[in-house]
Every structure is written in structure tokens, then in C-alpha cells.
Amino acid sequence: MKVLTKNNRLYLEELGWSIKSFDTKETREISKDSLAFNDSYQFSFLEKYVGKELDVTTYELNEKDIEGDNIQAILYEYNGEIIGSVGKTKNATPGIVNLEDKDIITNE
């Protein structure tokens, strides 16, 4: 299943990223427990969506991190609108990065 909406592509392009491929799309209910587990400033945008179902779409990006490894972009949508995103790479602690920090993630 190939899922690349124009909004998702434009959102990532505005942050300076380009999509290599679609990975997954799922619907996930946000719970207080999941926010506690992901106790990180990168997920603070989810706090007002506790108890709501969000579409979560993951893409692999063309760009690589500082170590040359793949970066994933995870976009969160509510009622068709992107409400936030995070990046995922194995070379970050705890593995989640802010996609707005492209220059730090990629050293570009």
C-alpha cells in the first residue's frame, strides 16, 4: 500500500526533507500511558489528543544521519491535519529527534 499524501510530502519538504519510501500507516489511540512512556519534549504536541485516535504514518527519508544511517519521519494526523512529527534514528538518544533540527541530525 503506497500512502503519500500531498500534505505529507509538502510538510516534510518545508522542513527540508525528501521521502524515499512509505513504511507504514496505522490508527493509534493516544493514552496517558503512551505519553509517559515517551516522556520527551518531542511528543508534547500529543498531550491534547489523549483519548483520541490519530493516523500515524511513517516514511523512510532520502537523507542520512551523521553516521550515515537511515532516518524515518513519523507524522501524526488528526482529522486529516498534521498535528506534529518526530524523526527516528538509531544514532540518537533515545532514538527520537526533532525533524526541525535537520542541520544537527544530518550535519548538512
Protein backbone atom coordinates (compact mmCIF):
# COMPACT_ATOMS: atom_id res chain seq x y z
CA MET A 1 0.00 0.00 0.00
CA LYS A 2 1.57 3.26 -1.10
CA VAL A 3 0.43 6.19 1.01
CA LEU A 4 1.93 9.56 0.22
CA THR A 5 -0.41 12.45 0.51
CA LYS A 6 0.41 15.83 -0.94
CA ASN A 7 0.11 17.35 2.56
CA ASN A 8 2.65 14.90 4.00
CA ARG A 9 5.13 15.48 1.18
CA LEU A 10 4.80 19.28 1.41
CA TYR A 11 5.09 19.20 5.21
CA LEU A 12 8.36 17.26 5.06
CA GLU A 13 9.72 19.33 2.17
CA GLU A 14 9.09 22.52 4.16
CA LEU A 15 11.31 21.05 6.89
CA GLY A 16 13.99 20.26 4.29
CA TRP A 17 13.42 16.51 3.92
CA SER A 18 12.60 14.28 0.95
CA ILE A 19 10.77 10.96 1.08
CA LYS A 20 12.45 7.78 -0.14
CA SER A 21 9.59 5.40 0.60
CA PHE A 22 6.39 4.80 2.54
CA ASP A 23 6.77 2.42 5.50
CA THR A 24 3.53 2.13 7.50
CA LYS A 25 0.23 3.79 8.31
CA GLU A 26 -1.84 2.92 11.34
CA THR A 27 -4.52 4.38 13.55
CA ARG A 28 -3.45 4.71 17.16
CA GLU A 29 -5.32 5.93 20.23
CA ILE A 30 -3.17 8.22 22.32
CA SER A 31 -3.16 7.33 26.01
CA LYS A 32 -1.59 8.96 29.06
CA ASP A 33 0.50 5.80 29.47
CA SER A 34 1.96 6.10 25.97
CA LEU A 35 2.88 9.73 26.66
CA ALA A 36 4.53 8.75 29.95
CA PHE A 37 6.49 6.06 28.11
CA ASN A 38 7.57 8.60 25.51
CA ASP A 39 8.37 11.24 28.14
CA SER A 40 10.16 13.58 25.79
CA TYR A 41 9.68 17.15 24.62
CA GLN A 42 9.29 15.84 21.07
CA PHE A 43 5.90 14.34 21.97
CA SER A 44 4.42 17.29 23.87
CA PHE A 45 2.19 18.10 20.87
CA LEU A 46 0.24 14.88 21.60
CA GLU A 47 -0.88 15.89 25.12
CA LYS A 48 -4.15 17.49 23.97
CA TYR A 49 -5.03 14.40 21.90
CA VAL A 50 -5.18 11.89 24.79
CA GLY A 51 -8.16 9.59 24.21
CA LYS A 52 -8.36 10.44 20.52
CA GLU A 53 -7.43 8.28 17.54
CA LEU A 54 -4.66 9.60 15.32
CA ASP A 55 -3.35 8.42 11.96
CA VAL A 56 0.37 7.70 12.29
CA THR A 57 2.32 7.47 9.03
CA THR A 58 5.99 6.51 8.78
CA TYR A 59 8.27 7.27 5.84
CA GLU A 60 11.92 6.49 5.18
CA LEU A 61 13.74 9.65 4.17
CA ASN A 62 16.40 10.02 1.47
CA GLU A 63 18.69 11.88 3.84
CA LYS A 64 21.02 10.02 6.23
CA ASP A 65 22.00 10.88 9.79
CA ILE A 66 25.51 11.93 10.87
CA GLU A 67 26.62 8.28 10.98
CA GLY A 68 25.20 7.56 7.50
CA ASP A 69 22.18 5.59 8.72
CA ASN A 70 18.55 5.86 7.67
CA ILE A 71 16.15 8.35 9.19
CA GLN A 72 12.42 7.76 9.50
CA ALA A 73 9.82 10.51 9.67
CA ILE A 74 6.73 9.77 11.74
CA LEU A 75 3.77 12.07 11.05
CA TYR A 76 0.77 12.36 13.37
CA GLU A 77 -2.57 13.44 11.90
CA TYR A 78 -5.93 14.20 13.46
CA ASN A 79 -8.99 14.62 11.22
CA GLY A 80 -6.72 14.81 8.16
CA GLU A 81 -4.50 17.58 9.56
CA ILE A 82 -0.84 17.07 10.51
CA ILE A 83 -0.51 17.95 14.19
CA GLY A 84 3.17 17.10 14.61
CA SER A 85 6.02 14.82 13.74
CA VAL A 86 9.20 13.21 15.02
CA GLY A 87 12.22 11.62 13.42
CA LYS A 88 13.64 8.25 14.36
CA THR A 89 17.25 7.18 14.02
CA LYS A 90 19.35 4.62 15.84
CA ASN A 91 22.16 7.14 16.38
CA ALA A 92 20.21 9.43 18.70
CA THR A 93 19.47 9.00 22.36
CA PRO A 94 16.72 7.94 22.96
CA GLY A 95 16.35 7.40 19.20
CA ILE A 96 13.81 10.17 18.61
CA VAL A 97 14.78 13.52 17.08
CA ASN A 98 13.07 16.76 16.18
CA LEU A 99 12.73 16.93 12.38
CA GLU A 100 13.13 20.71 12.58
CA ASP A 101 16.78 20.17 13.62
CA LYS A 102 17.92 18.85 10.22
CA ASP A 103 21.35 20.51 10.45
CA ILE A 104 22.07 18.73 13.76
CA ILE A 105 20.70 15.34 12.61
CA THR A 106 22.45 15.24 9.24
CA ASN A 107 25.39 17.61 9.73
CA GLU A 108 24.38 19.39 6.49
